[in-house]
Amino acid sequence: MPRTRRRPPAHEARVTWLALLGGLPAVLVALALIWSRPMRFSVAITLTLFVVASWLGAALALRERVVRSLQTLSNLVAALREGDYSIRARGADANSPLGLTYLELNKLADTLRRQRLDATEAVGLLRRVMEQIDIAILAFDPDGRLALVNRGGEALLGRPSERALGLDAAALGVAETLAGPVPRMFDLALAGRGGRWELRRASYRWEGRPHQLVVLSDLTRALREEERSAWQRLVRVLSHEINNSLAPIQSIAGSLRNAFERRGADAKADLDEGLGVIASRAEGLGRFLQAYARLATLPKPQLRPLEVAAWAQRVVTLETRIPVVVEGGPEVTIAADVDQLDSLLINLLRNAADAAIETRGAARVRWRVERGWLALEVEDDGPGLGDTANLFVPFYTTKPNGTGIGLSLCRQIAEAHGGSVTLENRRGARGVVATLRVPIRGSKVY
């Protein structure tokens, strides 16, 4: 069987032929000069062999130099492609084109090495964080199969990652996490544990394929602690208010019993006074329970267009105890529940009036628009705030006849509209500034 000879690569062959063709004219001229001059035959043959050998040697040396440089570049690029950044090219020199290429490849290897080190450290940190947090993190491939899980996810699924990876969401019992709106809260019970969970979901790409990242936060403990804290506050407030009513009622009941037993001349007066106190305390306790019911059953806002200027002017006229100046602001129409915002602004103006009466001052109402929000301010000339920690605590009040729900109700109404209410002392002057912030998305500003 005849042996097939290996043909040289096309690029090497072209380099060889170009080198030979480049020296061929000089060789032909040299041979013509040698054989045109009278000399011995042996000398002519020797010179001819020398010229041809030099020609062929130079062509082959040039070919070897070009091929070796290209092989070096190929080896460097292959090492970079395979992630081996330890190989460096010798002869890196900025003064020659080939040396400059070697120099740039060496710098590229250093850069890639640093980037891989940074990526490795970042991935290590991410894995450590994922292992330490108690939030369940699950990642699913496009087929709905589990591709990644942390320790929190293993605890939720009730199985180690070796037995969970590759299974689809339905087999794991978490198929509902891949559908529906997010973020949301829902009840989930698995082999590991169950309770109330908050679901968040996002998409990411891995190896060119879309994946789903599912984050589940256990809210059971937080909800229980918050519920326990709410019950403790409620019991404390109710106990305080009821005891305040029962103590004088019990005392007066004993006094009335004694007066009834005496049946003296002052018995009727004592009975009238005692019954009046009992009726007053019962009425106060009834107002307290009504205020609590109002705070606990605030309905969902019914949004309608509301012109801020007309609204402020209308509500300000209800406060007649002190002068209230409407300094105004831009013409803006917001979407809000008119009745609820009326109640909010009335409460803020009432607090401002109660404070300004002490100093015989006045109050001012102004508003502005900043970055898509309406900021309405109620400013007074009162003595200012002393205790700011309990401002929004329900039923906390420093007024003799206050219910302690005004500011709590204001904050609840503002938050139901997606906004907030804040109170702070004026800077450089006496008094308080109450600021209502509500979004004006979909509203009109002129």
Protein backbone atom coordinates (compact mmCIF):
# COMPACT_ATOMS: atom_id res chain seq x y z
CA MET A 1 0.00 0.00 0.00
CA PRO A 2 1.61 3.26 -0.98
CA ARG A 3 2.39 5.72 1.82
CA THR A 4 0.70 9.10 1.61
CA ARG A 5 3.00 12.01 2.22
CA ARG A 6 1.82 14.69 4.64
CA ARG A 7 1.29 17.92 2.82
CA PRO A 8 2.60 20.99 4.67
CA PRO A 9 0.00 23.49 5.86
CA ALA A 10 -1.01 26.00 3.25
CA HIS A 11 0.32 28.97 5.26
CA GLU A 12 3.74 27.34 5.78
CA ALA A 13 3.93 26.42 2.08
CA ARG A 14 3.10 29.98 1.06
CA VAL A 15 5.74 31.37 3.40
CA THR A 16 8.31 28.92 1.98
CA TRP A 17 7.51 29.72 -1.64
CA LEU A 18 7.52 33.47 -0.96
CA ALA A 19 10.93 33.20 0.69
CA LEU A 20 12.29 31.21 -2.26
CA LEU A 21 10.78 33.58 -4.80
CA GLY A 22 12.16 36.57 -2.92
CA GLY A 23 15.74 35.27 -3.24
CA LEU A 24 15.40 33.72 -6.70
CA PRO A 25 16.32 36.86 -8.74
CA ALA A 26 19.53 37.36 -6.76
CA VAL A 27 20.41 33.69 -7.12
CA LEU A 28 19.88 33.77 -10.87
CA VAL A 29 22.02 36.90 -11.21
CA ALA A 30 24.78 35.33 -9.08
CA LEU A 31 24.73 32.10 -11.11
CA ALA A 32 24.84 34.07 -14.37
CA LEU A 33 27.88 36.00 -13.18
CA ILE A 34 29.61 32.82 -11.99
CA TRP A 35 29.15 30.87 -15.20
CA SER A 36 29.82 33.86 -17.48
CA ARG A 37 33.32 34.41 -16.16
CA PRO A 38 36.28 32.23 -17.12
CA MET A 39 37.19 30.03 -14.14
CA ARG A 40 37.81 26.44 -13.39
CA PHE A 41 34.86 24.15 -13.45
CA SER A 42 35.37 23.00 -9.87
CA VAL A 43 35.36 26.59 -8.63
CA ALA A 44 32.18 27.37 -10.53
CA ILE A 45 30.47 24.28 -9.10
CA THR A 46 31.56 25.22 -5.58
CA LEU A 47 30.29 28.78 -5.90
CA THR A 48 27.03 27.55 -7.40
CA LEU A 49 26.46 25.12 -4.52
CA PHE A 50 27.30 27.85 -2.02
CA VAL A 51 24.84 30.32 -3.56
CA VAL A 52 22.03 27.72 -3.80
CA ALA A 53 22.70 26.42 -0.27
CA SER A 54 22.68 29.96 1.14
CA TRP A 55 19.46 30.69 -0.75
CA LEU A 56 17.71 27.57 0.51
CA GLY A 57 19.06 28.00 4.07
CA ALA A 58 17.85 31.61 4.31
CA ALA A 59 14.40 30.66 2.96
CA LEU A 60 14.06 27.79 5.41
CA ALA A 61 15.29 29.97 8.31
CA LEU A 62 12.74 32.64 7.44
CA ARG A 63 10.04 29.98 7.24
CA GLU A 64 11.06 28.59 10.62
CA ARG A 65 11.12 32.05 12.21
CA VAL A 66 7.63 32.89 10.97
CA VAL A 67 6.15 29.49 11.83
CA ARG A 68 7.75 29.41 15.29
CA SER A 69 6.37 32.87 16.12
CA LEU A 70 2.90 31.85 15.00
CA GLN A 71 3.12 28.63 17.02
CA THR A 72 4.12 30.61 20.09
CA LEU A 73 1.15 32.92 19.63
CA SER A 74 -1.13 29.92 19.09
CA ASN A 75 0.12 28.22 22.27
CA LEU A 76 -0.42 31.39 24.29
CA VAL A 77 -3.95 31.88 22.97
CA ALA A 78 -4.77 28.20 23.56
CA ALA A 79 -3.50 28.45 27.14
CA LEU A 80 -5.66 31.52 27.74
CA ARG A 81 -8.67 29.76 26.23
CA GLU A 82 -8.17 26.77 28.54
CA GLY A 83 -7.74 28.99 31.60
CA ASP A 84 -4.00 28.49 32.07
CA TYR A 85 -2.69 31.97 32.83
CA SER A 86 0.77 30.89 34.00
CA ILE A 87 2.41 30.69 30.54
CA ARG A 88 4.35 33.75 29.39
CA ALA A 89 6.03 34.54 26.06
CA ARG A 90 9.73 35.32 25.98
CA GLY A 91 11.02 38.18 23.90
CA ALA A 92 8.28 40.63 24.91
CA ASP A 93 9.52 44.00 23.71
CA ALA A 94 7.55 47.14 23.00
CA ASN A 95 10.08 48.22 20.33
CA SER A 96 9.18 45.48 17.82
CA PRO A 97 5.77 44.45 16.43
CA LEU A 98 6.16 40.79 17.40
CA GLY A 99 7.60 41.65 20.82
CA LEU A 100 4.72 44.11 21.37
CA THR A 101 2.25 41.30 20.56
CA TYR A 102 3.96 39.05 23.11
CA LEU A 103 3.89 41.89 25.65
CA GLU A 104 0.14 42.49 25.19
CA LEU A 105 -0.61 38.77 25.49
CA ASN A 106 1.39 38.61 28.73
CA LYS A 107 -0.55 41.58 30.09
CA LEU A 108 -3.81 39.97 29.00
CA ALA A 109 -2.83 36.81 30.90
CA ASP A 110 -2.12 38.88 34.02
CA THR A 111 -5.48 40.66 33.72
CA LEU A 112 -7.40 37.42 33.21
CA ARG A 113 -5.58 35.85 36.14
CA ARG A 114 -6.57 38.72 38.43
CA GLN A 115 -10.17 38.62 37.17
CA ARG A 116 -10.40 34.88 37.74
CA LEU A 117 -9.01 35.31 41.24
CA ASP A 118 -11.54 38.06 41.97
CA ALA A 119 -14.36 35.95 40.53
CA THR A 120 -13.26 32.94 42.58
CA GLU A 121 -13.20 35.00 45.76
CA ALA A 122 -16.59 36.56 44.93
CA VAL A 123 -18.12 33.14 44.26
CA GLY A 124 -16.62 31.84 47.51
CA LEU A 125 -18.11 34.78 49.41
CA LEU A 126 -21.49 34.26 47.72
CA ARG A 127 -21.49 30.58 48.62
CA ARG A 128 -20.55 31.35 52.21
CA VAL A 129 -23.35 33.94 52.47
CA MET A 130 -25.86 31.53 50.93
CA GLU A 131 -24.84 28.85 53.42
CA GLN A 132 -25.12 31.13 56.45
CA ILE A 133 -28.43 32.89 55.80
CA ASP A 134 -31.63 31.12 56.82
CA ILE A 135 -33.50 32.24 53.71
CA ALA A 136 -34.33 29.44 51.28
CA ILE A 137 -32.77 30.03 47.85
CA LEU A 138 -33.74 27.76 44.95
CA ALA A 139 -32.77 27.99 41.28
CA PHE A 140 -34.65 26.15 38.50
CA ASP A 141 -33.60 25.54 34.91
CA PRO A 142 -35.94 26.13 31.92
CA ASP A 143 -37.41 22.63 32.40
CA GLY A 144 -38.41 23.45 36.00
CA ARG A 145 -35.72 21.23 37.52
CA LEU A 146 -33.77 22.28 40.58
CA ALA A 147 -30.29 23.48 39.63
CA LEU A 148 -29.13 25.18 42.84
CA VAL A 149 -30.12 25.10 46.51
CA ASN A 150 -28.60 26.46 49.71
CA ARG A 151 -28.82 25.14 53.26
CA GLY A 152 -32.01 27.06 53.93
CA GLY A 153 -33.55 25.46 50.86
CA GLU A 154 -32.39 22.00 51.98
CA ALA A 155 -34.07 22.58 55.36
CA LEU A 156 -37.27 23.69 53.61
CA LEU A 157 -37.32 20.73 51.23
CA GLY A 158 -36.36 18.28 53.97
CA ARG A 159 -33.66 16.63 51.88
CA PRO A 160 -29.98 17.27 51.08
CA SER A 161 -28.93 18.84 47.82
CA GLU A 162 -27.65 15.50 46.47
CA ARG A 163 -31.20 14.12 46.58
CA ALA A 164 -32.90 17.33 45.46
CA LEU A 165 -30.87 18.55 42.48
CA GLY A 166 -32.35 17.52 39.17
CA LEU A 167 -35.89 17.03 40.47
CA ASP A 168 -38.67 19.17 39.09
CA ALA A 169 -40.56 21.70 41.19
CA ALA A 170 -43.72 19.61 41.31
CA ALA A 171 -41.88 16.62 42.76
CA LEU A 172 -40.34 18.90 45.38
CA GLY A 173 -43.71 20.41 46.28
CA VAL A 174 -42.82 23.99 45.35
CA ALA A 175 -44.42 24.26 41.91
CA GLU A 176 -46.50 27.27 43.00
CA THR A 177 -43.33 29.29 43.56
CA LEU A 178 -42.69 29.38 39.80
CA ALA A 179 -46.06 30.96 38.95
CA GLY A 180 -48.16 33.87 40.12
CA PRO A 181 -47.32 37.46 41.01
CA VAL A 182 -44.34 38.42 43.13
CA PRO A 183 -43.60 39.51 45.75
CA ARG A 184 -46.38 37.84 47.70
CA MET A 185 -47.02 35.93 50.91
CA PHE A 186 -48.47 32.44 50.99
CA ASP A 187 -48.71 29.37 53.20
CA LEU A 188 -46.38 26.49 52.44
CA ALA A 189 -46.02 23.19 54.29
CA LEU A 190 -43.31 20.69 53.35
CA ALA A 191 -41.47 17.85 55.00
CA GLY A 192 -38.89 20.21 56.42
CA ARG A 193 -41.14 22.91 57.88
CA GLY A 194 -44.19 24.96 57.10
CA GLY A 195 -45.67 28.35 57.82
CA ARG A 196 -46.09 31.74 56.26
CA TRP A 197 -43.56 32.60 53.57
CA GLU A 198 -42.71 35.62 51.45
CA LEU A 199 -41.93 34.74 47.83
CA ARG A 200 -39.64 36.68 45.54
CA ARG A 201 -38.62 35.51 42.08
CA ALA A 202 -36.22 36.75 39.43
CA SER A 203 -34.78 35.54 36.12
CA TYR A 204 -31.14 35.06 35.24
CA ARG A 205 -29.17 33.35 32.48
CA TRP A 206 -26.69 30.53 32.97
CA GLU A 207 -24.81 29.00 30.05
CA GLY A 208 -27.05 30.92 27.70
CA ARG A 209 -30.28 29.44 29.11
CA PRO A 210 -32.89 31.32 31.21
CA HIS A 211 -33.23 30.19 34.84
CA GLN A 212 -35.58 31.16 37.66
CA LEU A 213 -34.21 32.22 41.04
CA VAL A 214 -36.69 31.72 43.89
CA VAL A 215 -36.15 33.31 47.31
CA LEU A 216 -38.39 32.23 50.21
CA SER A 217 -38.33 34.09 53.53
CA ASP A 218 -39.93 32.49 56.58
CA LEU A 219 -42.28 35.05 58.11
CA THR A 220 -43.79 32.79 60.75
CA ARG A 221 -41.46 33.74 63.58
CA ALA A 222 -41.51 37.44 62.73
CA LEU A 223 -45.31 37.43 62.49
CA ARG A 224 -45.64 35.61 65.79
CA GLU A 225 -43.31 38.05 67.53
CA GLU A 226 -45.13 41.01 66.01
CA GLU A 227 -48.48 39.50 66.96
CA ARG A 228 -47.27 38.88 70.52
CA SER A 229 -45.94 42.44 70.73
CA ALA A 230 -49.23 43.82 69.37
CA TRP A 231 -51.23 41.85 71.94
CA GLN A 232 -48.96 43.04 74.73
CA ARG A 233 -49.41 46.67 73.66
CA LEU A 234 -53.15 46.20 73.33
CA VAL A 235 -53.49 44.57 76.75
CA ARG A 236 -51.33 47.27 78.32
CA VAL A 237 -53.37 50.08 76.79
CA LEU A 238 -56.74 48.48 77.56
CA SER A 239 -55.68 47.64 81.11
CA HIS A 240 -54.51 51.19 81.68
CA GLU A 241 -57.71 52.75 80.34
CA ILE A 242 -60.09 50.32 82.05
CA ASN A 243 -58.25 50.59 85.37
CA ASN A 244 -58.44 54.37 85.13
CA SER A 245 -62.21 54.01 84.85
CA LEU A 246 -62.77 51.18 87.32
CA ALA A 247 -60.68 52.67 90.13
CA PRO A 248 -62.83 55.80 90.62
CA ILE A 249 -66.01 53.80 89.98
CA GLN A 250 -65.13 51.36 92.76
CA SER A 251 -64.17 54.17 95.11
CA ILE A 252 -67.31 56.16 94.38
CA ALA A 253 -69.48 53.03 94.66
CA GLY A 254 -68.17 52.50 98.20
CA SER A 255 -68.80 56.12 99.09
CA LEU A 256 -72.35 55.93 97.70
CA ARG A 257 -73.00 52.79 99.73
CA ASN A 258 -71.91 54.60 102.90
CA ALA A 259 -73.99 57.66 101.98
CA PHE A 260 -77.02 55.50 101.33
CA GLU A 261 -76.57 53.83 104.72
CA ARG A 262 -76.35 57.23 106.45
CA ARG A 263 -79.29 58.66 104.57
CA GLY A 264 -78.41 62.03 105.88
CA ALA A 265 -79.08 65.46 104.46
CA ASP A 266 -76.06 65.24 102.17
CA ALA A 267 -76.92 61.79 100.82
CA LYS A 268 -78.76 63.12 97.75
CA ALA A 269 -75.91 65.47 96.84
CA ASP A 270 -73.36 62.68 97.27
CA LEU A 271 -75.47 60.36 95.12
CA ASP A 272 -75.83 62.95 92.38
CA GLU A 273 -72.11 63.70 92.37
CA GLY A 274 -71.11 60.04 92.44
CA LEU A 275 -73.50 59.02 89.70
CA GLY A 276 -72.25 61.92 87.61
CA VAL A 277 -68.65 60.75 87.95
CA ILE A 278 -69.65 57.18 87.10
CA ALA A 279 -71.55 58.35 84.03
CA SER A 280 -68.59 60.51 82.97
CA ARG A 281 -66.12 57.64 83.29
CA ALA A 282 -68.45 55.27 81.47
CA GLU A 283 -68.83 57.83 78.67
CA GLY A 284 -65.05 58.26 78.49
CA LEU A 285 -64.55 54.50 78.34
CA GLY A 286 -67.13 54.32 75.55
CA ARG A 287 -65.30 57.04 73.59
CA PHE A 288 -62.07 55.14 74.04
CA LEU A 289 -63.54 51.92 72.64
CA GLN A 290 -65.11 53.81 69.73
CA ALA A 291 -61.78 55.44 68.94
CA TYR A 292 -60.05 52.07 69.01
CA ALA A 293 -62.69 50.57 66.71
CA ARG A 294 -62.24 53.48 64.31
CA LEU A 295 -58.47 53.00 64.24
CA ALA A 296 -58.73 49.22 63.74
CA THR A 297 -61.35 49.30 60.96
CA LEU A 298 -60.10 51.99 58.57
CA PRO A 299 -61.58 51.13 55.14
CA LYS A 300 -59.59 50.93 51.92
CA PRO A 301 -59.25 54.36 50.26
CA GLN A 302 -61.70 55.13 47.46
CA LEU A 303 -59.55 57.22 45.11
CA ARG A 304 -61.07 60.22 43.38
CA PRO A 305 -59.58 63.42 41.90
CA LEU A 306 -58.82 65.98 44.59
CA GLU A 307 -57.66 69.55 43.94
CA VAL A 308 -55.16 70.31 46.68
CA ALA A 309 -55.76 74.08 46.78
CA ALA A 310 -59.55 73.79 47.13
CA TRP A 311 -59.19 70.97 49.63
CA ALA A 312 -56.82 72.93 51.85
CA GLN A 313 -58.96 76.07 51.74
CA ARG A 314 -62.09 74.09 52.63
CA VAL A 315 -60.57 72.23 55.60
CA VAL A 316 -58.79 75.32 56.98
CA THR A 317 -62.12 77.09 57.42
CA LEU A 318 -63.14 74.43 59.97
CA GLU A 319 -60.44 75.59 62.41
CA THR A 320 -61.55 78.88 64.00
CA ARG A 321 -59.62 78.96 67.27
CA ILE A 322 -56.43 80.45 65.78
CA PRO A 323 -55.53 82.25 62.54
CA VAL A 324 -54.57 79.73 59.85
CA VAL A 325 -52.90 81.13 56.73
CA VAL A 326 -52.94 79.13 53.49
CA GLU A 327 -49.63 80.05 51.87
CA GLY A 328 -50.44 77.79 48.93
CA GLY A 329 -48.32 76.05 46.36
CA PRO A 330 -48.54 74.80 42.78
CA GLU A 331 -51.89 73.83 41.31
CA VAL A 332 -51.99 70.04 41.61
CA THR A 333 -54.74 67.43 41.48
CA ILE A 334 -54.10 64.10 43.18
CA ALA A 335 -56.01 60.83 43.36
CA ALA A 336 -57.10 60.26 46.98
CA ASP A 337 -59.94 59.39 49.33
CA VAL A 338 -61.43 62.81 50.08
CA ASP A 339 -63.09 61.84 53.36
CA GLN A 340 -59.96 60.20 54.75
CA LEU A 341 -57.67 63.09 53.76
CA ASP A 342 -60.18 65.51 55.29
CA SER A 343 -59.90 63.61 58.57
CA LEU A 344 -56.09 63.60 58.31
CA LEU A 345 -55.76 67.34 57.68
CA ILE A 346 -58.36 68.16 60.39
CA ASN A 347 -56.29 66.21 62.90
CA LEU A 348 -53.07 67.98 61.89
CA LEU A 349 -54.75 71.41 62.08
CA ARG A 350 -56.31 70.56 65.45
CA ASN A 351 -52.92 69.60 66.86
CA ALA A 352 -51.40 72.78 65.44
CA ALA A 353 -54.18 74.87 66.97
CA ASP A 354 -53.86 73.17 70.38
CA ALA A 355 -50.15 74.00 70.37
CA ALA A 356 -50.45 77.55 69.01
CA ILE A 357 -53.14 78.50 71.56
CA GLU A 358 -50.59 78.09 74.35
CA THR A 359 -48.33 80.73 72.78
CA ARG A 360 -51.10 82.81 71.15
CA GLY A 361 -49.57 82.03 67.79
CA ALA A 362 -50.87 81.05 64.38
CA ALA A 363 -50.56 78.23 61.87
CA ARG A 364 -49.72 78.02 58.18
CA VAL A 365 -50.45 75.51 55.43
CA ARG A 366 -48.29 75.19 52.32
CA TRP A 367 -47.45 72.50 49.79
CA ARG A 368 -44.93 71.74 47.09
CA VAL A 369 -44.22 69.07 44.48
CA GLU A 370 -40.89 67.23 44.59
CA ARG A 371 -39.94 64.25 42.42
CA GLY A 372 -43.44 62.94 41.90
CA TRP A 373 -44.61 63.52 45.48
CA LEU A 374 -46.94 66.07 47.05
CA ALA A 375 -45.47 67.43 50.30
CA LEU A 376 -48.07 69.36 52.35
CA GLU A 377 -46.84 71.13 55.50
CA VAL A 378 -48.82 72.32 58.51
CA GLU A 379 -46.66 74.66 60.56
CA ASP A 380 -47.50 76.15 63.97
CA ASP A 381 -45.97 78.62 66.43
CA GLY A 382 -46.46 76.39 69.47
CA PRO A 383 -43.90 75.35 72.09
CA GLY A 384 -42.57 72.46 69.97
CA LEU A 385 -42.20 68.73 70.56
CA GLY A 386 -40.74 67.40 73.76
CA ASP A 387 -41.19 63.62 73.39
CA THR A 388 -40.89 62.48 69.78
CA ALA A 389 -40.53 58.75 70.51
CA ASN A 390 -44.23 58.17 71.29
CA LEU A 391 -45.82 60.50 68.74
CA PHE A 392 -47.45 57.73 66.71
CA VAL A 393 -48.04 55.24 69.53
CA PRO A 394 -51.80 54.54 69.63
CA PHE A 395 -53.64 56.01 72.65
CA TYR A 396 -50.54 57.85 73.87
CA THR A 397 -51.46 61.48 74.56
CA THR A 398 -50.29 64.41 76.67
CA LYS A 399 -53.62 66.24 76.38
CA PRO A 400 -56.03 66.09 79.33
CA ASN A 401 -58.99 65.06 77.17
CA GLY A 402 -57.12 63.50 74.25
CA THR A 403 -57.77 60.00 72.89
CA GLY A 404 -54.27 59.41 71.56
CA ILE A 405 -55.38 58.16 68.14
CA GLY A 406 -55.16 61.36 66.06
CA LEU A 407 -51.60 60.96 64.80
CA SER A 408 -51.92 57.17 64.59
CA LEU A 409 -54.98 57.62 62.39
CA CYS A 410 -53.12 60.21 60.27
CA ARG A 411 -50.22 57.85 59.69
CA GLN A 412 -52.55 54.95 58.86
CA ILE A 413 -54.44 57.07 56.30
CA ALA A 414 -51.19 58.34 54.74
CA GLU A 415 -49.73 54.83 54.46
CA ALA A 416 -52.98 53.57 52.93
CA HIS A 417 -52.42 56.19 50.20
CA GLY A 418 -48.80 55.07 49.75
CA GLY A 419 -47.40 58.05 51.65
CA SER A 420 -46.23 59.08 55.10
CA VAL A 421 -46.65 61.65 57.88
CA THR A 422 -43.75 63.13 59.84
CA LEU A 423 -43.49 65.71 62.63
CA GLU A 424 -40.40 67.68 63.57
CA ASN A 425 -39.51 70.87 65.40
CA ARG A 426 -38.96 73.95 63.27
CA ARG A 427 -35.38 74.94 62.65
CA GLY A 428 -34.42 78.34 63.97
CA ALA A 429 -37.89 79.07 65.31
CA ARG A 430 -40.42 77.85 67.83
CA GLY A 431 -43.09 75.41 66.71
CA VAL A 432 -43.66 72.18 64.82
CA VAL A 433 -43.89 71.26 61.14
CA ALA A 434 -46.16 68.31 60.25
CA THR A 435 -45.48 67.03 56.71
CA LEU A 436 -47.82 64.85 54.69
CA ARG A 437 -46.27 63.13 51.66
CA VAL A 438 -48.43 61.31 49.11
CA PRO A 439 -47.54 60.17 45.57
CA ILE A 440 -49.01 62.09 42.66
CA ARG A 441 -48.70 59.30 40.07
CA GLY A 442 -51.41 59.78 37.49
CA SER A 443 -52.23 63.19 38.90
CA LYS A 444 -52.02 66.63 37.30
CA VAL A 445 -49.53 69.35 38.14
CA TYR A 446 -49.72 72.85 36.68
